[in-house]
Structure formats: C-alpha cells, structure tokens
Amino acid sequence: MAVPTNVRTQFGRRLRQLRRQCDLTLEELAERAKVSGKFVQSIETGRQSPTIDTVDKLARGLNVALHELLVTDERSPAALRARARELISEASDIEIGRIVRVLEAMLH
C-alpha cells in the first residue's frame, strides 16, 4: 500500500526542521544515522518513505526521541486554517455572527 504523498511530505519537512535546529548538514545527519546523504535528501523532499528502522536511526542521529520525528507542527498556518474551518463548520448561526465580529475587530 502506497503512503500518501502528504504524509511523506510532512515527515520530510519535520526531518528537515529538526536537522536544521540541530545545525546539521544533510551529510552530517546521514553520517550519524548511518544512511546516505542522498537518501536523507530524498526523505526530506518527500520522494521516499523511510522504514521504521530508518526513522529510528534518524532520530538517534538527531539525538531526539523517536516520537519527535512523528510530531507535525500543529501550529502551522495551514493547520490553523484547517482547524478554523472545522470550528466554523460546527458553529451555530448565532456563533458564526460572533466569530465574524471577533475576526473583524482583530483584523481591522
């Protein structure tokens, strides 16, 4: 079964984010994780999916807990917009009016 592209892309972005936070190059992380730099790059760009063993190696190479690689940034603008849409779709007609007034006050 193929992994959806968006999951690969999200994982790759998270890997790149953590690698940069650790101030590591692709090659440095690859060396620490005992994988190739080209493979790390292909994971970061979402072209390839790592096995769970490779995810573990990458976590060890970054010196982070395994779950840290699997946590996406729920505060990203896209995630926040999606959550706002979800909340608005569940709001009553009265609540929609309140939401609009609050947004107008905040943005104008």
PDB file of N, CA and C in Angstrom:
ATOM      1  N   MET A   1       0.838  -1.182   0.000  1.00  0.00           N
ATOM      2  CA  MET A   1       0.000   0.000   0.000  1.00  0.00           C
ATOM      3  C   MET A   1       0.881   1.243   0.000  1.00  0.00           C
ATOM      4  N   ALA A   2       0.632   2.166  -0.898  1.00  0.00           N
ATOM      5  CA  ALA A   2       1.446   3.379  -1.013  1.00  0.00           C
ATOM      6  C   ALA A   2       1.094   4.366   0.093  1.00  0.00           C
ATOM      7  N   VAL A   3       2.106   5.035   0.601  1.00  0.00           N
ATOM      8  CA  VAL A   3       1.894   6.069   1.611  1.00  0.00           C
ATOM      9  C   VAL A   3       1.477   7.341   0.895  1.00  0.00           C
ATOM     10  N   PRO A   4       0.418   8.019   1.354  1.00  0.00           N
ATOM     11  CA  PRO A   4       0.010   9.261   0.696  1.00  0.00           C
ATOM     12  C   PRO A   4       1.152  10.279   0.685  1.00  0.00           C
ATOM     13  N   THR A   5       1.251  10.993  -0.409  1.00  0.00           N
ATOM     14  CA  THR A   5       2.325  11.967  -0.575  1.00  0.00           C
ATOM     15  C   THR A   5       2.349  12.971   0.564  1.00  0.00           C
ATOM     16  N   ASN A   6       1.181  13.409   1.021  1.00  0.00           N
ATOM     17  CA  ASN A   6       1.182  14.428   2.071  1.00  0.00           C
ATOM     18  C   ASN A   6       1.830  13.931   3.365  1.00  0.00           C
ATOM     19  N   VAL A   7       1.730  12.651   3.675  1.00  0.00           N
ATOM     20  CA  VAL A   7       2.377  12.112   4.863  1.00  0.00           C
ATOM     21  C   VAL A   7       3.891  12.124   4.677  1.00  0.00           C
ATOM     22  N   ARG A   8       4.350  11.703   3.500  1.00  0.00           N
ATOM     23  CA  ARG A   8       5.791  11.740   3.221  1.00  0.00           C
ATOM     24  C   ARG A   8       6.308  13.170   3.281  1.00  0.00           C
ATOM     25  N   THR A   9       5.545  14.094   2.707  1.00  0.00           N
ATOM     26  CA  THR A   9       5.952  15.492   2.693  1.00  0.00           C
ATOM     27  C   THR A   9       6.016  16.059   4.104  1.00  0.00           C
ATOM     28  N   GLN A  10       5.006  15.765   4.921  1.00  0.00           N
ATOM     29  CA  GLN A  10       5.002  16.248   6.305  1.00  0.00           C
ATOM     30  C   GLN A  10       6.177  15.690   7.090  1.00  0.00           C
ATOM     31  N   PHE A  11       6.440  14.401   6.912  1.00  0.00           N
ATOM     32  CA  PHE A  11       7.566  13.794   7.618  1.00  0.00           C
ATOM     33  C   PHE A  11       8.879  14.422   7.165  1.00  0.00           C
ATOM     34  N   GLY A  12       9.020  14.614   5.855  1.00  0.00           N
ATOM     35  CA  GLY A  12      10.237  15.218   5.323  1.00  0.00           C
ATOM     36  C   GLY A  12      10.465  16.624   5.846  1.00  0.00           C
ATOM     37  N   ARG A  13       9.393  17.390   5.914  1.00  0.00           N
ATOM     38  CA  ARG A  13       9.509  18.754   6.455  1.00  0.00           C
ATOM     39  C   ARG A  13       9.929  18.730   7.914  1.00  0.00           C
ATOM     40  N   ARG A  14       9.355  17.794   8.680  1.00  0.00           N
ATOM     41  CA  ARG A  14       9.707  17.683  10.094  1.00  0.00           C
ATOM     42  C   ARG A  14      11.172  17.270  10.258  1.00  0.00           C
ATOM     43  N   LEU A  15      11.609  16.329   9.440  1.00  0.00           N
ATOM     44  CA  LEU A  15      13.007  15.895   9.482  1.00  0.00           C
ATOM     45  C   LEU A  15      13.932  17.070   9.181  1.00  0.00           C
ATOM     46  N   ARG A  16      13.631  17.824   8.125  1.00  0.00           N
ATOM     47  CA  ARG A  16      14.452  18.983   7.767  1.00  0.00           C
ATOM     48  C   ARG A  16      14.459  20.009   8.901  1.00  0.00           C
ATOM     49  N   GLN A  17      13.283  20.256   9.487  1.00  0.00           N
ATOM     50  CA  GLN A  17      13.183  21.230  10.581  1.00  0.00           C
ATOM     51  C   GLN A  17      14.087  20.829  11.747  1.00  0.00           C
ATOM     52  N   LEU A  18      14.011  19.571  12.157  1.00  0.00           N
ATOM     53  CA  LEU A  18      14.839  19.110  13.272  1.00  0.00           C
ATOM     54  C   LEU A  18      16.321  19.109  12.914  1.00  0.00           C
ATOM     55  N   ARG A  19      16.639  18.715  11.695  1.00  0.00           N
ATOM     56  CA  ARG A  19      18.048  18.713  11.259  1.00  0.00           C
ATOM     57  C   ARG A  19      18.621  20.128  11.326  1.00  0.00           C
ATOM     58  N   ARG A  20      17.854  21.083  10.833  1.00  0.00           N
ATOM     59  CA  ARG A  20      18.327  22.473  10.856  1.00  0.00           C
ATOM     60  C   ARG A  20      18.424  23.008  12.277  1.00  0.00           C
ATOM     61  N   GLN A  21      17.478  22.622  13.142  1.00  0.00           N
ATOM     62  CA  GLN A  21      17.548  23.044  14.547  1.00  0.00           C
ATOM     63  C   GLN A  21      18.810  22.517  15.216  1.00  0.00           C
ATOM     64  N   CYS A  22      19.241  21.343  14.777  1.00  0.00           N
ATOM     65  CA  CYS A  22      20.483  20.751  15.301  1.00  0.00           C
ATOM     66  C   CYS A  22      21.716  21.294  14.594  1.00  0.00           C
ATOM     67  N   ASP A  23      21.494  22.182  13.629  1.00  0.00           N
ATOM     68  CA  ASP A  23      22.578  22.783  12.859  1.00  0.00           C
ATOM     69  C   ASP A  23      23.442  21.726  12.174  1.00  0.00           C
ATOM     70  N   LEU A  24      22.763  20.762  11.544  1.00  0.00           N
ATOM     71  CA  LEU A  24      23.453  19.684  10.836  1.00  0.00           C
ATOM     72  C   LEU A  24      23.220  19.800   9.340  1.00  0.00           C
ATOM     73  N   THR A  25      24.213  19.451   8.568  1.00  0.00           N
ATOM     74  CA  THR A  25      24.033  19.343   7.118  1.00  0.00           C
ATOM     75  C   THR A  25      23.406  17.980   6.825  1.00  0.00           C
ATOM     76  N   LEU A  26      22.972  17.815   5.583  1.00  0.00           N
ATOM     77  CA  LEU A  26      22.452  16.511   5.166  1.00  0.00           C
ATOM     78  C   LEU A  26      23.492  15.422   5.405  1.00  0.00           C
ATOM     79  N   GLU A  27      24.713  15.714   5.015  1.00  0.00           N
ATOM     80  CA  GLU A  27      25.789  14.738   5.131  1.00  0.00           C
ATOM     81  C   GLU A  27      26.095  14.397   6.592  1.00  0.00           C
ATOM     82  N   GLU A  28      26.064  15.400   7.457  1.00  0.00           N
ATOM     83  CA  GLU A  28      26.340  15.154   8.868  1.00  0.00           C
ATOM     84  C   GLU A  28      25.273  14.250   9.485  1.00  0.00           C
ATOM     85  N   LEU A  29      24.007  14.539   9.176  1.00  0.00           N
ATOM     86  CA  LEU A  29      22.945  13.681   9.690  1.00  0.00           C
ATOM     87  C   LEU A  29      23.069  12.281   9.115  1.00  0.00           C
ATOM     88  N   ALA A  30      23.341  12.183   7.827  1.00  0.00           N
ATOM     89  CA  ALA A  30      23.485  10.876   7.180  1.00  0.00           C
ATOM     90  C   ALA A  30      24.582  10.057   7.846  1.00  0.00           C
ATOM     91  N   GLU A  31      25.692  10.698   8.136  1.00  0.00           N
ATOM     92  CA  GLU A  31      26.804  10.003   8.786  1.00  0.00           C
ATOM     93  C   GLU A  31      26.400   9.513  10.175  1.00  0.00           C
ATOM     94  N   ARG A  32      25.735  10.377  10.927  1.00  0.00           N
ATOM     95  CA  ARG A  32      25.301  10.000  12.275  1.00  0.00           C
ATOM     96  C   ARG A  32      24.278   8.863  12.241  1.00  0.00           C
ATOM     97  N   ALA A  33      23.391   8.900  11.233  1.00  0.00           N
ATOM     98  CA  ALA A  33      22.328   7.897  11.130  1.00  0.00           C
ATOM     99  C   ALA A  33      22.766   6.656  10.363  1.00  0.00           C
ATOM    100  N   LYS A  34      23.960   6.707   9.802  1.00  0.00           N
ATOM    101  CA  LYS A  34      24.497   5.583   9.019  1.00  0.00           C
ATOM    102  C   LYS A  34      23.618   5.252   7.810  1.00  0.00           C
ATOM    103  N   VAL A  35      23.214   6.317   7.104  1.00  0.00           N
ATOM    104  CA  VAL A  35      22.499   6.199   5.828  1.00  0.00           C
ATOM    105  C   VAL A  35      23.161   7.166   4.853  1.00  0.00           C
ATOM    106  N   SER A  36      22.765   7.136   3.596  1.00  0.00           N
ATOM    107  CA  SER A  36      23.389   8.042   2.628  1.00  0.00           C
ATOM    108  C   SER A  36      22.755   9.431   2.675  1.00  0.00           C
ATOM    109  N   GLY A  37      23.562  10.419   2.336  1.00  0.00           N
ATOM    110  CA  GLY A  37      23.068  11.799   2.280  1.00  0.00           C
ATOM    111  C   GLY A  37      21.976  11.967   1.243  1.00  0.00           C
ATOM    112  N   LYS A  38      22.113  11.275   0.125  1.00  0.00           N
ATOM    113  CA  LYS A  38      21.089  11.349  -0.923  1.00  0.00           C
ATOM    114  C   LYS A  38      19.769  10.775  -0.435  1.00  0.00           C
ATOM    115  N   PHE A  39      19.841   9.738   0.395  1.00  0.00           N
ATOM    116  CA  PHE A  39      18.624   9.145   0.941  1.00  0.00           C
ATOM    117  C   PHE A  39      17.946  10.116   1.902  1.00  0.00           C
ATOM    118  N   VAL A  40      18.726  10.769   2.761  1.00  0.00           N
ATOM    119  CA  VAL A  40      18.161  11.766   3.675  1.00  0.00           C
ATOM    120  C   VAL A  40      17.486  12.872   2.870  1.00  0.00           C
ATOM    121  N   GLN A  41      18.148  13.319   1.823  1.00  0.00           N
ATOM    122  CA  GLN A  41      17.576  14.363   0.982  1.00  0.00           C
ATOM    123  C   GLN A  41      16.267  13.902   0.339  1.00  0.00           C
ATOM    124  N   SER A  42      16.227  12.670  -0.139  1.00  0.00           N
ATOM    125  CA  SER A  42      15.008  12.170  -0.782  1.00  0.00           C
ATOM    126  C   SER A  42      13.871  12.005   0.231  1.00  0.00           C
ATOM    127  N   ILE A  43      14.202  11.737   1.474  1.00  0.00           N
ATOM    128  CA  ILE A  43      13.178  11.682   2.527  1.00  0.00           C
ATOM    129  C   ILE A  43      12.672  13.090   2.815  1.00  0.00           C
ATOM    130  N   GLU A  44      13.598  14.039   2.960  1.00  0.00           N
ATOM    131  CA  GLU A  44      13.209  15.416   3.259  1.00  0.00           C
ATOM    132  C   GLU A  44      12.332  16.024   2.170  1.00  0.00           C
ATOM    133  N   THR A  45      12.548  15.638   0.937  1.00  0.00           N
ATOM    134  CA  THR A  45      11.754  16.190  -0.161  1.00  0.00           C
ATOM    135  C   THR A  45      10.500  15.374  -0.435  1.00  0.00           C
ATOM    136  N   GLY A  46      10.280  14.312   0.337  1.00  0.00           N
ATOM    137  CA  GLY A  46       9.074  13.515   0.193  1.00  0.00           C
ATOM    138  C   GLY A  46       9.091  12.545  -0.968  1.00  0.00           C
ATOM    139  N   ARG A  47      10.250  12.329  -1.560  1.00  0.00           N
ATOM    140  CA  ARG A  47      10.330  11.397  -2.685  1.00  0.00           C
ATOM    141  C   ARG A  47      10.385   9.946  -2.225  1.00  0.00           C
ATOM    142  N   GLN A  48      10.883   9.716  -1.020  1.00  0.00           N
ATOM    143  CA  GLN A  48      10.962   8.354  -0.488  1.00  0.00           C
ATOM    144  C   GLN A  48      10.450   8.318   0.942  1.00  0.00           C
ATOM    145  N   SER A  49       9.956   7.166   1.324  1.00  0.00           N
ATOM    146  CA  SER A  49       9.498   6.928   2.694  1.00  0.00           C
ATOM    147  C   SER A  49      10.506   6.041   3.417  1.00  0.00           C
ATOM    148  N   PRO A  50      10.895   6.432   4.594  1.00  0.00           N
ATOM    149  CA  PRO A  50      11.834   5.596   5.342  1.00  0.00           C
ATOM    150  C   PRO A  50      11.106   4.439   6.031  1.00  0.00           C
ATOM    151  N   THR A  51      11.833   3.370   6.284  1.00  0.00           N
ATOM    152  CA  THR A  51      11.296   2.297   7.116  1.00  0.00           C
ATOM    153  C   THR A  51      11.313   2.776   8.565  1.00  0.00           C
ATOM    154  N   ILE A  52      10.643   2.044   9.441  1.00  0.00           N
ATOM    155  CA  ILE A  52      10.646   2.418  10.852  1.00  0.00           C
ATOM    156  C   ILE A  52      12.062   2.299  11.428  1.00  0.00           C
ATOM    157  N   ASP A  53      12.840   1.362  10.917  1.00  0.00           N
ATOM    158  CA  ASP A  53      14.231   1.251  11.366  1.00  0.00           C
ATOM    159  C   ASP A  53      15.033   2.492  10.978  1.00  0.00           C
ATOM    160  N   THR A  54      14.785   3.009   9.774  1.00  0.00           N
ATOM    161  CA  THR A  54      15.482   4.226   9.336  1.00  0.00           C
ATOM    162  C   THR A  54      15.015   5.425  10.142  1.00  0.00           C
ATOM    163  N   VAL A  55      13.733   5.492  10.451  1.00  0.00           N
ATOM    164  CA  VAL A  55      13.225   6.585  11.291  1.00  0.00           C
ATOM    165  C   VAL A  55      13.938   6.558  12.642  1.00  0.00           C
ATOM    166  N   ASP A  56      14.114   5.372  13.189  1.00  0.00           N
ATOM    167  CA  ASP A  56      14.829   5.231  14.456  1.00  0.00           C
ATOM    168  C   ASP A  56      16.273   5.712  14.328  1.00  0.00           C
ATOM    169  N   LYS A  57      16.944   5.329  13.240  1.00  0.00           N
ATOM    170  CA  LYS A  57      18.320   5.784  13.005  1.00  0.00           C
ATOM    171  C   LYS A  57      18.396   7.300  12.890  1.00  0.00           C
ATOM    172  N   LEU A  58      17.422   7.886  12.174  1.00  0.00           N
ATOM    173  CA  LEU A  58      17.412   9.341  12.018  1.00  0.00           C
ATOM    174  C   LEU A  58      17.192  10.034  13.356  1.00  0.00           C
ATOM    175  N   ALA A  59      16.283   9.487  14.164  1.00  0.00           N
ATOM    176  CA  ALA A  59      16.045  10.063  15.491  1.00  0.00           C
ATOM    177  C   ALA A  59      17.306  10.013  16.336  1.00  0.00           C
ATOM    178  N   ARG A  60      17.989   8.881  16.283  1.00  0.00           N
ATOM    179  CA  ARG A  60      19.243   8.754  17.037  1.00  0.00           C
ATOM    180  C   ARG A  60      20.305   9.723  16.504  1.00  0.00           C
ATOM    181  N   GLY A  61      20.340   9.868  15.178  1.00  0.00           N
ATOM    182  CA  GLY A  61      21.290  10.805  14.577  1.00  0.00           C
ATOM    183  C   GLY A  61      21.017  12.249  14.967  1.00  0.00           C
ATOM    184  N   LEU A  62      19.751  12.559  15.188  1.00  0.00           N
ATOM    185  CA  LEU A  62      19.368  13.907  15.617  1.00  0.00           C
ATOM    186  C   LEU A  62      19.394  14.055  17.132  1.00  0.00           C
ATOM    187  N   ASN A  63      19.578  12.927  17.819  1.00  0.00           N
ATOM    188  CA  ASN A  63      19.561  12.903  19.282  1.00  0.00           C
ATOM    189  C   ASN A  63      18.213  13.385  19.833  1.00  0.00           C
ATOM    190  N   VAL A  64      17.137  12.887  19.213  1.00  0.00           N
ATOM    191  CA  VAL A  64      15.783  13.194  19.675  1.00  0.00           C
ATOM    192  C   VAL A  64      15.028  11.888  19.882  1.00  0.00           C
ATOM    193  N   ALA A  65      13.961  11.943  20.654  1.00  0.00           N
ATOM    194  CA  ALA A  65      13.107  10.775  20.831  1.00  0.00           C
ATOM    195  C   ALA A  65      12.408  10.466  19.509  1.00  0.00           C
ATOM    196  N   LEU A  66      12.140   9.220  19.269  1.00  0.00           N
ATOM    197  CA  LEU A  66      11.515   8.778  18.029  1.00  0.00           C
ATOM    198  C   LEU A  66      10.224   9.545  17.743  1.00  0.00           C
ATOM    199  N   HIS A  67       9.412   9.739  18.761  1.00  0.00           N
ATOM    200  CA  HIS A  67       8.132  10.425  18.536  1.00  0.00           C
ATOM    201  C   HIS A  67       8.309  11.871  18.067  1.00  0.00           C
ATOM    202  N   GLU A  68       9.453  12.486  18.357  1.00  0.00           N
ATOM    203  CA  GLU A  68       9.691  13.865  17.921  1.00  0.00           C
ATOM    204  C   GLU A  68       9.706  13.985  16.401  1.00  0.00           C
ATOM    205  N   LEU A  69      10.124  12.933  15.732  1.00  0.00           N
ATOM    206  CA  LEU A  69      10.124  12.944  14.269  1.00  0.00           C
ATOM    207  C   LEU A  69       8.714  12.789  13.702  1.00  0.00           C
ATOM    208  N   LEU A  70       7.825  12.232  14.486  1.00  0.00           N
ATOM    209  CA  LEU A  70       6.482  11.941  14.002  1.00  0.00           C
ATOM    210  C   LEU A  70       5.470  13.024  14.358  1.00  0.00           C
ATOM    211  N   VAL A  71       5.892  14.000  15.129  1.00  0.00           N
ATOM    212  CA  VAL A  71       5.004  15.088  15.529  1.00  0.00           C
ATOM    213  C   VAL A  71       5.057  16.182  14.473  1.00  0.00           C
ATOM    214  N   THR A  72       3.892  16.507  13.937  1.00  0.00           N
ATOM    215  CA  THR A  72       3.856  17.601  12.971  1.00  0.00           C
ATOM    216  C   THR A  72       3.567  18.904  13.694  1.00  0.00           C
ATOM    217  N   ASP A  73       3.901  19.977  13.073  1.00  0.00           N
ATOM    218  CA  ASP A  73       3.707  21.294  13.661  1.00  0.00           C
ATOM    219  C   ASP A  73       2.239  21.682  13.555  1.00  0.00           C
ATOM    220  N   GLU A  74       1.488  21.443  14.616  1.00  0.00           N
ATOM    221  CA  GLU A  74       0.054  21.734  14.616  1.00  0.00           C
ATOM    222  C   GLU A  74      -0.226  23.239  14.634  1.00  0.00           C
ATOM    223  N   ARG A  75       0.787  24.034  14.792  1.00  0.00           N
ATOM    224  CA  ARG A  75       0.626  25.483  14.803  1.00  0.00           C
ATOM    225  C   ARG A  75       0.991  26.110  13.466  1.00  0.00           C
ATOM    226  N   SER A  76       1.177  25.298  12.453  1.00  0.00           N
ATOM    227  CA  SER A  76       1.481  25.854  11.141  1.00  0.00           C
ATOM    228  C   SER A  76       0.266  26.607  10.623  1.00  0.00           C
ATOM    229  N   PRO A  77       0.462  27.610   9.777  1.00  0.00           N
ATOM    230  CA  PRO A  77      -0.685  28.347   9.238  1.00  0.00           C
ATOM    231  C   PRO A  77      -1.714  27.439   8.563  1.00  0.00           C
ATOM    232  N   ALA A  78      -1.267  26.443   7.839  1.00  0.00           N
ATOM    233  CA  ALA A  78      -2.200  25.535   7.169  1.00  0.00           C
ATOM    234  C   ALA A  78      -3.013  24.741   8.193  1.00  0.00           C
ATOM    235  N   ALA A  79      -2.363  24.275   9.246  1.00  0.00           N
ATOM    236  CA  ALA A  79      -3.068  23.522  10.283  1.00  0.00           C
ATOM    237  C   ALA A  79      -4.058  24.407  11.024  1.00  0.00           C
ATOM    238  N   LEU A  80      -3.665  25.645  11.294  1.00  0.00           N
ATOM    239  CA  LEU A  80      -4.566  26.565  11.982  1.00  0.00           C
ATOM    240  C   LEU A  80      -5.770  26.929  11.124  1.00  0.00           C
ATOM    241  N   ARG A  81      -5.556  27.137   9.828  1.00  0.00           N
ATOM    242  CA  ARG A  81      -6.675  27.419   8.923  1.00  0.00           C
ATOM    243  C   ARG A  81      -7.647  26.236   8.861  1.00  0.00           C
ATOM    244  N   ALA A  82      -7.089  25.036   8.787  1.00  0.00           N
ATOM    245  CA  ALA A  82      -7.928  23.841   8.744  1.00  0.00           C
ATOM    246  C   ALA A  82      -8.755  23.717  10.023  1.00  0.00           C
ATOM    247  N   ARG A  83      -8.129  23.990  11.154  1.00  0.00           N
ATOM    248  CA  ARG A  83      -8.864  23.928  12.437  1.00  0.00           C
ATOM    249  C   ARG A  83      -9.936  25.001  12.494  1.00  0.00           C
ATOM    250  N   ALA A  84      -9.633  26.214  12.012  1.00  0.00           N
ATOM    251  CA  ALA A  84     -10.625  27.296  11.992  1.00  0.00           C
ATOM    252  C   ALA A  84     -11.816  26.907  11.126  1.00  0.00           C
ATOM    253  N   ARG A  85     -11.550  26.330   9.946  1.00  0.00           N
ATOM    254  CA  ARG A  85     -12.648  25.880   9.076  1.00  0.00           C
ATOM    255  C   ARG A  85     -13.500  24.830   9.766  1.00  0.00           C
ATOM    256  N   GLU A  86     -12.849  23.923  10.455  1.00  0.00           N
ATOM    257  CA  GLU A  86     -13.566  22.867  11.173  1.00  0.00           C
ATOM    258  C   GLU A  86     -14.472  23.468  12.248  1.00  0.00           C
ATOM    259  N   LEU A  87     -13.931  24.398  13.020  1.00  0.00           N
ATOM    260  CA  LEU A  87     -14.720  25.037  14.078  1.00  0.00           C
ATOM    261  C   LEU A  87     -15.883  25.830  13.505  1.00  0.00           C
ATOM    262  N   ILE A  88     -15.637  26.556  12.432  1.00  0.00           N
ATOM    263  CA  ILE A  88     -16.692  27.356  11.808  1.00  0.00           C
ATOM    264  C   ILE A  88     -17.794  26.455  11.271  1.00  0.00           C
ATOM    265  N   SER A  89     -17.417  25.329  10.677  1.00  0.00           N
ATOM    266  CA  SER A  89     -18.432  24.434  10.122  1.00  0.00           C
ATOM    267  C   SER A  89     -19.327  23.841  11.203  1.00  0.00           C
ATOM    268  N   GLU A  90     -18.828  23.770  12.430  1.00  0.00           N
ATOM    269  CA  GLU A  90     -19.604  23.216  13.545  1.00  0.00           C
ATOM    270  C   GLU A  90     -20.384  24.279  14.305  1.00  0.00           C
ATOM    271  N   ALA A  91     -20.140  25.563  14.015  1.00  0.00           N
ATOM    272  CA  ALA A  91     -20.755  26.661  14.764  1.00  0.00           C
ATOM    273  C   ALA A  91     -22.212  26.869  14.357  1.00  0.00           C
ATOM    274  N   SER A  92     -22.996  27.319  15.321  1.00  0.00           N
ATOM    275  CA  SER A  92     -24.398  27.661  15.040  1.00  0.00           C
ATOM    276  C   SER A  92     -24.448  29.000  14.314  1.00  0.00           C
ATOM    277  N   ASP A  93     -25.618  29.369  13.814  1.00  0.00           N
ATOM    278  CA  ASP A  93     -25.774  30.654  13.126  1.00  0.00           C
ATOM    279  C   ASP A  93     -25.430  31.820  14.044  1.00  0.00           C
ATOM    280  N   ILE A  94     -25.812  31.741  15.286  1.00  0.00           N
ATOM    281  CA  ILE A  94     -25.513  32.815  16.243  1.00  0.00           C
ATOM    282  C   ILE A  94     -24.004  32.893  16.487  1.00  0.00           C
ATOM    283  N   GLU A  95     -23.381  31.741  16.648  1.00  0.00           N
ATOM    284  CA  GLU A  95     -21.935  31.710  16.880  1.00  0.00           C
ATOM    285  C   GLU A  95     -21.158  32.236  15.671  1.00  0.00           C
ATOM    286  N   ILE A  96     -21.642  31.982  14.470  1.00  0.00           N
ATOM    287  CA  ILE A  96     -20.981  32.495  13.261  1.00  0.00           C
ATOM    288  C   ILE A  96     -20.927  34.015  13.307  1.00  0.00           C
ATOM    289  N   GLY A  97     -22.033  34.633  13.688  1.00  0.00           N
ATOM    290  CA  GLY A  97     -22.057  36.088  13.812  1.00  0.00           C
ATOM    291  C   GLY A  97     -21.021  36.589  14.799  1.00  0.00           C
ATOM    292  N   ARG A  98     -20.909  35.926  15.913  1.00  0.00           N
ATOM    293  CA  ARG A  98     -19.913  36.304  16.927  1.00  0.00           C
ATOM    294  C   ARG A  98     -18.490  36.134  16.390  1.00  0.00           C
ATOM    295  N   ILE A  99     -18.267  35.035  15.713  1.00  0.00           N
ATOM    296  CA  ILE A  99     -16.941  34.762  15.158  1.00  0.00           C
ATOM    297  C   ILE A  99     -16.546  35.852  14.167  1.00  0.00           C
ATOM    298  N   VAL A 100     -17.463  36.224  13.309  1.00  0.00           N
ATOM    299  CA  VAL A 100     -17.179  37.267  12.313  1.00  0.00           C
ATOM    300  C   VAL A 100     -16.874  38.594  13.008  1.00  0.00           C
ATOM    301  N   ARG A 101     -17.638  38.939  14.022  1.00  0.00           N
ATOM    302  CA  ARG A 101     -17.394  40.210  14.742  1.00  0.00           C
ATOM    303  C   ARG A 101     -16.018  40.194  15.421  1.00  0.00           C
ATOM    304  N   VAL A 102     -15.647  39.077  16.010  1.00  0.00           N
ATOM    305  CA  VAL A 102     -14.341  38.974  16.661  1.00  0.00           C
ATOM    306  C   VAL A 102     -13.224  39.106  15.619  1.00  0.00           C
ATOM    307  N   LEU A 103     -13.372  38.401  14.499  1.00  0.00           N
ATOM    308  CA  LEU A 103     -12.348  38.488  13.457  1.00  0.00           C
ATOM    309  C   LEU A 103     -12.225  39.891  12.905  1.00  0.00           C
ATOM    310  N   GLU A 104     -13.352  40.543  12.656  1.00  0.00           N
ATOM    311  CA  GLU A 104     -13.312  41.925  12.140  1.00  0.00           C
ATOM    312  C   GLU A 104     -12.617  42.851  13.137  1.00  0.00           C
ATOM    313  N   ALA A 105     -12.916  42.681  14.410  1.00  0.00           N
ATOM    314  CA  ALA A 105     -12.280  43.526  15.440  1.00  0.00           C
ATOM    315  C   ALA A 105     -10.779  43.281  15.496  1.00  0.00           C
ATOM    316  N   MET A 106     -10.368  42.042  15.326  1.00  0.00           N
ATOM    317  CA  MET A 106      -8.945  41.718  15.403  1.00  0.00           C
ATOM    318  C   MET A 106      -8.179  42.167  14.156  1.00  0.00           C
ATOM    319  N   LEU A 107      -8.816  42.100  13.015  1.00  0.00           N
ATOM    320  CA  LEU A 107      -8.114  42.354  11.760  1.00  0.00           C
ATOM    321  C   LEU A 107      -8.245  43.776  11.228  1.00  0.00           C
ATOM    322  N   HIS A 108      -9.127  44.542  11.792  1.00  0.00           N
ATOM    323  CA  HIS A 108      -9.307  45.918  11.309  1.00  0.00           C
ATOM    324  C   HIS A 108      -9.045  46.952  12.372  1.00  0.00           C
TER     325      HIS A 108
END
